[in-house]
Amino acid sequence: MANIKKRNLMMAVILFGAFMALLAETLFNNALTNIMHSFSINQATVQWLSTGYLLVVGLMIPISSWVFNNFKTKYNYLFMITLFLIGSVVGWVAPNFGILLLGRFVQAIAAGLLMPFIQNVILLLFPPEKRGLALGVTGLVIALGPTVGPTLSGIILEYFGWRDLFALLSIISVIILVVGIFFTENINEIKKTKLDFVSLLLSVVGFGGLLYAFSEIGNTGNLNLPISIIGLIGIAAIAGFVYRQNHLDEPMINMSIFKNHNFNLTTLLSTLSNIAMVGIELVMPLYLQNSRMVSALVAGLVMMPGAILMGIFNPISGGL
């Protein structure tokens, strides 16, 4: 019973950290209009606080497996939360938009490493027959964070400023850091592997270039020559990354997993559902505030029904 209690406490602490990192994904969507006015920037620029965050999160995922295998669980988790805290403090005190964006990128590095880390820890904590429900609860946290972000920020912005959003994340980070010191343990076996820097470079250039190209097309509505070249370089680098993984003795990512039809299908469905969810969470608050001229609070409340339904159905789907 004691072991079960310790396991559940560790899971709760880790999921709390995941919730915070994913909350930060959309927490600022409602504040973009306020930040535009604070720094006198346009909408295409301010959107990088959200799209840039997602871009950096995506860039961190290929390296996450190497980080998980080469460092102990507890130190991994505490490092990620500390990194997130640093990014939050930088954003809190940022004197200009460049520093603010830097803080968001530091947060995103932590969040990008944290997501795969949490799923790996859950798989180690629970036996196969209990993983479905455990992953369902994890899915609830992963989905609920981004969905409640716009609603929560709308309530906060009604009475406070956008810097207080960073202050909130900083306080939560400190709490998680303190609790994590006492309730997380080392549960993974260290498997020292060499980090292939060529693979890392190819993944950063490939995924970064492709994501940047798509982002710019979305922001500007145009497909010009420079963006096309960046996109093509990204595709070529991804192709080189895949080729290299298939010819390394210890690849950064085991590409053989993509031979599994069920894995490919569920990954595609998950990707499409996330595109639908994250896209709406970014566009809707901007549309409501800039075109319909409603308050941040009203824009946040419009997003609330989705968050409630997400919270209801994720544990059910995990159980099924």
Protein backbone atom coordinates (compact mmCIF):
# COMPACT_ATOMS: atom_id res chain seq x y z
CA MET A 1 0.00 0.00 0.00
CA ALA A 2 2.87 2.33 0.85
CA ASN A 3 4.39 1.78 -2.58
CA ILE A 4 1.06 2.49 -4.25
CA LYS A 5 0.73 5.71 -2.25
CA LYS A 6 4.26 6.80 -3.19
CA ARG A 7 3.56 5.94 -6.85
CA ASN A 8 0.34 7.94 -6.89
CA LEU A 9 2.01 10.92 -5.20
CA MET A 10 4.82 10.89 -7.75
CA MET A 11 2.31 10.65 -10.60
CA ALA A 12 0.35 13.58 -9.17
CA VAL A 13 3.46 15.76 -8.86
CA ILE A 14 4.61 14.94 -12.40
CA LEU A 15 1.16 15.54 -13.87
CA PHE A 16 0.96 18.86 -12.03
CA GLY A 17 4.13 19.89 -13.83
CA ALA A 18 2.71 18.72 -17.16
CA PHE A 19 -0.48 20.66 -16.55
CA MET A 20 1.51 23.84 -15.90
CA ALA A 21 3.64 23.44 -19.04
CA LEU A 22 0.58 22.78 -21.20
CA LEU A 23 -1.40 25.54 -19.53
CA ALA A 24 1.36 27.92 -20.66
CA GLU A 25 0.76 26.78 -24.24
CA THR A 26 -2.51 28.72 -24.51
CA LEU A 27 -2.53 30.88 -21.37
CA PHE A 28 -1.27 33.89 -23.33
CA ASN A 29 -3.65 33.57 -26.29
CA ASN A 30 -6.13 35.88 -24.56
CA ALA A 31 -3.35 38.32 -23.64
CA LEU A 32 -1.97 38.79 -27.16
CA THR A 33 -4.11 41.87 -27.80
CA ASN A 34 -2.91 43.49 -24.53
CA ILE A 35 0.73 42.65 -25.34
CA MET A 36 0.32 44.16 -28.83
CA HIS A 37 -0.67 47.46 -27.25
CA SER A 38 2.05 47.31 -24.55
CA PHE A 39 4.90 46.93 -27.06
CA SER A 40 3.26 48.60 -30.09
CA ILE A 41 3.62 45.53 -32.32
CA ASN A 42 1.32 43.99 -34.92
CA GLN A 43 -0.70 40.77 -34.71
CA ALA A 44 1.65 38.76 -36.95
CA THR A 45 4.53 39.55 -34.58
CA VAL A 46 2.72 38.95 -31.30
CA GLN A 47 1.44 35.55 -32.50
CA TRP A 48 5.01 34.26 -32.23
CA LEU A 49 4.43 34.05 -28.48
CA SER A 50 2.12 31.14 -29.27
CA THR A 51 3.39 29.74 -32.58
CA GLY A 52 7.04 30.14 -31.53
CA TYR A 53 6.30 28.32 -28.29
CA LEU A 54 4.82 25.39 -30.20
CA LEU A 55 7.70 25.42 -32.68
CA VAL A 56 10.33 25.09 -29.93
CA VAL A 57 8.28 22.40 -28.17
CA GLY A 58 8.30 20.43 -31.42
CA LEU A 59 12.06 20.85 -31.81
CA MET A 60 12.71 19.41 -28.34
CA ILE A 61 10.79 16.16 -28.87
CA PRO A 62 13.47 14.31 -30.94
CA ILE A 63 16.07 14.85 -28.20
CA SER A 64 13.72 13.92 -25.35
CA SER A 65 14.38 10.17 -25.53
CA TRP A 66 18.15 10.74 -25.23
CA VAL A 67 17.60 12.99 -22.20
CA PHE A 68 15.32 10.41 -20.55
CA ASN A 69 17.78 7.55 -21.05
CA ASN A 70 20.93 9.40 -19.97
CA PHE A 71 19.82 11.13 -16.78
CA LYS A 72 18.01 10.08 -13.62
CA THR A 73 14.27 10.66 -13.42
CA LYS A 74 14.23 12.99 -10.43
CA TYR A 75 17.08 15.22 -11.65
CA ASN A 76 15.51 15.33 -15.11
CA TYR A 77 12.19 16.52 -13.76
CA LEU A 78 13.64 19.10 -11.38
CA PHE A 79 15.87 20.49 -14.14
CA MET A 80 12.90 20.88 -16.50
CA ILE A 81 10.79 22.65 -13.86
CA THR A 82 13.73 24.94 -12.98
CA LEU A 83 14.18 25.79 -16.65
CA PHE A 84 10.47 26.57 -16.93
CA LEU A 85 10.73 28.79 -13.84
CA ILE A 86 13.62 30.74 -15.41
CA GLY A 87 11.59 31.31 -18.59
CA SER A 88 8.59 32.47 -16.56
CA VAL A 89 10.64 34.97 -14.55
CA VAL A 90 12.27 36.31 -17.75
CA GLY A 91 8.82 36.85 -19.27
CA TRP A 92 7.55 38.44 -16.06
CA VAL A 93 10.20 41.18 -16.01
CA ALA A 94 10.76 41.51 -19.81
CA PRO A 95 11.41 45.15 -20.77
CA ASN A 96 10.72 44.57 -24.48
CA PHE A 97 9.11 42.04 -26.82
CA GLY A 98 12.41 40.35 -27.73
CA ILE A 99 13.15 39.44 -24.11
CA LEU A 100 9.53 38.39 -23.64
CA LEU A 101 9.80 36.02 -26.61
CA LEU A 102 13.08 34.67 -25.23
CA GLY A 103 11.33 33.82 -21.96
CA ARG A 104 8.62 31.97 -23.88
CA PHE A 105 11.25 30.00 -25.80
CA VAL A 106 12.95 28.95 -22.55
CA GLN A 107 9.57 27.82 -21.22
CA ALA A 108 9.02 25.88 -24.44
CA ILE A 109 12.35 24.04 -24.16
CA ALA A 110 11.25 22.75 -20.75
CA ALA A 111 7.74 21.90 -21.96
CA GLY A 112 9.02 20.07 -25.06
CA LEU A 113 11.27 17.85 -22.93
CA LEU A 114 8.58 17.39 -20.28
CA MET A 115 5.79 15.91 -22.43
CA PRO A 116 7.51 12.69 -23.64
CA PHE A 117 9.25 12.41 -20.25
CA ILE A 118 5.91 12.23 -18.45
CA GLN A 119 4.50 9.54 -20.71
CA ASN A 120 7.66 7.45 -20.27
CA VAL A 121 7.45 7.79 -16.48
CA ILE A 122 3.77 6.74 -16.47
CA LEU A 123 4.65 3.60 -18.45
CA LEU A 124 7.33 2.74 -15.88
CA LEU A 125 5.13 3.48 -12.86
CA PHE A 126 2.16 1.32 -13.87
CA PRO A 127 1.85 -2.34 -14.92
CA PRO A 128 0.41 -3.03 -18.41
CA GLU A 129 -3.11 -3.80 -17.15
CA LYS A 130 -3.38 -0.37 -15.45
CA ARG A 131 -1.70 1.74 -18.10
CA GLY A 132 -4.91 2.44 -20.04
CA LEU A 133 -6.55 4.28 -17.16
CA ALA A 134 -3.26 5.94 -16.13
CA LEU A 135 -2.72 7.21 -19.68
CA GLY A 136 -6.36 8.33 -19.76
CA VAL A 137 -5.78 10.49 -16.68
CA THR A 138 -2.54 11.71 -18.28
CA GLY A 139 -4.48 12.54 -21.44
CA LEU A 140 -6.96 14.50 -19.33
CA VAL A 141 -4.14 16.65 -17.95
CA ILE A 142 -2.46 17.02 -21.36
CA ALA A 143 -5.73 18.08 -22.99
CA LEU A 144 -7.14 20.10 -20.09
CA GLY A 145 -4.09 22.38 -19.70
CA PRO A 146 -4.38 23.99 -23.14
CA THR A 147 -8.18 24.08 -23.06
CA VAL A 148 -8.51 25.90 -19.73
CA GLY A 149 -5.67 28.32 -20.58
CA PRO A 150 -7.79 30.90 -22.47
CA THR A 151 -10.58 30.80 -19.85
CA LEU A 152 -8.20 31.18 -16.89
CA SER A 153 -6.25 33.99 -18.56
CA GLY A 154 -9.51 35.76 -19.42
CA ILE A 155 -10.49 35.82 -15.75
CA ILE A 156 -7.02 37.01 -14.66
CA LEU A 157 -6.82 39.70 -17.35
CA GLU A 158 -10.19 41.09 -16.26
CA TYR A 159 -8.62 42.20 -12.97
CA PHE A 160 -4.84 42.14 -13.53
CA GLY A 161 -2.27 42.60 -16.32
CA TRP A 162 -0.57 40.18 -18.72
CA ARG A 163 2.63 40.15 -16.63
CA ASP A 164 0.64 38.54 -13.83
CA LEU A 165 0.20 35.49 -16.05
CA PHE A 166 3.98 34.99 -15.91
CA ALA A 167 3.89 35.71 -12.17
CA LEU A 168 1.30 32.94 -11.74
CA LEU A 169 3.43 30.44 -13.68
CA SER A 170 6.50 31.44 -11.66
CA ILE A 171 4.71 30.80 -8.35
CA ILE A 172 3.34 27.46 -9.56
CA SER A 173 6.83 26.46 -10.75
CA VAL A 174 8.33 27.16 -7.32
CA ILE A 175 5.61 25.09 -5.64
CA ILE A 176 6.14 22.16 -8.03
CA LEU A 177 9.91 22.40 -7.59
CA VAL A 178 9.67 22.19 -3.79
CA VAL A 179 7.13 19.37 -3.85
CA GLY A 180 9.11 17.53 -6.54
CA ILE A 181 12.21 17.46 -4.34
CA PHE A 182 10.32 15.40 -1.76
CA PHE A 183 7.96 13.25 -3.83
CA THR A 184 9.79 12.26 -7.02
CA GLU A 185 12.19 9.33 -7.22
CA ASN A 186 14.63 7.83 -9.68
CA ILE A 187 12.80 4.97 -11.39
CA ASN A 188 14.58 4.65 -14.73
CA GLU A 189 17.73 2.71 -15.56
CA ILE A 190 20.47 4.91 -16.96
CA LYS A 191 21.44 3.85 -20.50
CA LYS A 192 24.37 6.03 -21.45
CA THR A 193 24.26 6.76 -25.17
CA LYS A 194 26.19 9.21 -27.28
CA LEU A 195 24.22 12.18 -28.56
CA ASP A 196 24.60 12.32 -32.35
CA PHE A 197 25.02 16.04 -33.02
CA VAL A 198 24.53 15.60 -36.78
CA SER A 199 21.11 14.08 -36.10
CA LEU A 200 20.34 16.88 -33.67
CA LEU A 201 21.34 19.52 -36.24
CA LEU A 202 19.29 17.84 -38.98
CA SER A 203 16.23 17.64 -36.72
CA VAL A 204 16.49 21.29 -35.65
CA VAL A 205 17.00 22.54 -39.22
CA GLY A 206 14.42 20.15 -40.65
CA PHE A 207 11.54 20.47 -38.23
CA GLY A 208 12.40 24.09 -37.41
CA GLY A 209 12.50 25.11 -41.06
CA LEU A 210 9.28 23.32 -41.93
CA LEU A 211 7.38 24.63 -38.89
CA TYR A 212 8.69 28.16 -39.48
CA ALA A 213 7.58 28.04 -43.13
CA PHE A 214 4.08 26.89 -42.21
CA SER A 215 3.91 29.51 -39.48
CA GLU A 216 4.88 32.34 -41.81
CA ILE A 217 2.40 31.19 -44.44
CA GLY A 218 -0.30 31.26 -41.76
CA ASN A 219 0.74 34.67 -40.44
CA THR A 220 1.14 36.42 -43.80
CA GLY A 221 -1.24 34.44 -46.00
CA ASN A 222 1.44 34.37 -48.72
CA LEU A 223 3.81 31.77 -50.13
CA ASN A 224 6.88 33.65 -51.37
CA LEU A 225 10.29 32.47 -52.58
CA PRO A 226 12.23 32.82 -49.26
CA ILE A 227 9.57 30.90 -47.33
CA SER A 228 9.45 28.23 -50.05
CA ILE A 229 13.23 27.80 -49.87
CA ILE A 230 13.14 27.50 -46.06
CA GLY A 231 10.36 24.92 -46.33
CA LEU A 232 12.26 22.88 -48.94
CA ILE A 233 15.45 23.00 -46.83
CA GLY A 234 13.37 21.75 -43.90
CA ILE A 235 11.98 18.85 -45.94
CA ALA A 236 15.47 17.93 -47.21
CA ALA A 237 16.89 18.02 -43.67
CA ILE A 238 14.06 15.81 -42.36
CA ALA A 239 14.75 13.32 -45.16
CA GLY A 240 18.44 13.36 -44.17
CA PHE A 241 17.47 12.88 -40.53
CA VAL A 242 15.34 9.82 -41.35
CA TYR A 243 18.08 8.33 -43.54
CA ARG A 244 20.67 8.83 -40.80
CA GLN A 245 18.48 7.26 -38.10
CA ASN A 246 18.06 4.15 -40.25
CA HIS A 247 21.84 3.76 -40.57
CA LEU A 248 22.98 4.46 -37.00
CA ASP A 249 23.63 1.71 -34.47
CA GLU A 250 22.11 3.92 -31.76
CA PRO A 251 19.64 6.26 -33.49
CA MET A 252 18.15 9.29 -31.77
CA ILE A 253 14.72 8.00 -32.81
CA ASN A 254 13.97 4.40 -33.74
CA MET A 255 12.23 4.84 -37.09
CA SER A 256 11.13 1.19 -37.24
CA ILE A 257 8.15 2.14 -35.10
CA PHE A 258 6.61 3.69 -38.22
CA LYS A 259 6.28 0.20 -39.71
CA ASN A 260 3.41 -0.34 -37.27
CA HIS A 261 0.11 0.49 -38.98
CA ASN A 262 -1.79 1.11 -35.72
CA PHE A 263 0.88 3.48 -34.47
CA ASN A 264 0.78 5.47 -37.71
CA LEU A 265 -3.00 5.66 -37.72
CA THR A 266 -3.32 6.79 -34.11
CA THR A 267 -0.49 9.28 -34.56
CA LEU A 268 -2.24 10.77 -37.60
CA LEU A 269 -5.57 11.03 -35.76
CA SER A 270 -3.88 12.57 -32.72
CA THR A 271 -2.09 15.09 -34.96
CA LEU A 272 -5.30 16.13 -36.72
CA SER A 273 -7.22 16.52 -33.45
CA ASN A 274 -4.41 18.64 -31.99
CA ILE A 275 -4.32 20.84 -35.11
CA ALA A 276 -8.06 21.44 -34.74
CA MET A 277 -7.85 22.13 -31.01
CA VAL A 278 -4.73 24.32 -30.88
CA GLY A 279 -5.74 26.27 -34.00
CA ILE A 280 -9.10 27.26 -32.53
CA GLU A 281 -7.53 28.09 -29.15
CA LEU A 282 -5.19 30.58 -30.85
CA VAL A 283 -7.52 32.13 -33.43
CA MET A 284 -10.76 32.37 -31.43
CA PRO A 285 -9.57 34.75 -28.65
CA LEU A 286 -7.91 37.04 -31.23
CA TYR A 287 -11.05 37.05 -33.38
CA LEU A 288 -13.37 37.73 -30.44
CA GLN A 289 -11.28 40.57 -29.00
CA ASN A 290 -10.10 42.27 -32.20
CA SER A 291 -13.13 41.73 -34.48
CA ARG A 292 -16.08 41.32 -32.08
CA MET A 293 -14.60 43.73 -29.50
CA VAL A 294 -15.47 41.60 -26.49
CA SER A 295 -13.41 41.52 -23.29
CA ALA A 296 -10.71 38.96 -22.49
CA LEU A 297 -13.05 37.53 -19.84
CA VAL A 298 -15.87 36.91 -22.34
CA ALA A 299 -13.41 35.43 -24.85
CA GLY A 300 -12.18 33.09 -22.13
CA LEU A 301 -15.69 32.02 -21.14
CA VAL A 302 -16.48 31.19 -24.78
CA MET A 303 -13.68 28.59 -24.60
CA MET A 304 -14.92 27.04 -21.35
CA PRO A 305 -17.45 24.47 -22.72
CA GLY A 306 -14.69 22.76 -24.72
CA ALA A 307 -12.52 22.50 -21.60
CA ILE A 308 -15.39 20.97 -19.59
CA LEU A 309 -16.19 18.37 -22.26
CA MET A 310 -12.51 17.53 -22.63
CA GLY A 311 -12.31 16.92 -18.90
CA ILE A 312 -15.32 14.60 -18.98
CA PHE A 313 -14.31 12.43 -21.93
CA ASN A 314 -10.55 11.93 -21.52
CA PRO A 315 -10.71 9.54 -18.52
CA ILE A 316 -13.58 7.70 -20.21
CA SER A 317 -11.54 7.16 -23.39
CA GLY A 318 -8.55 6.03 -21.31
CA GLY A 319 -10.68 3.45 -19.52
CA LEU A 320 -12.09 2.21 -22.85
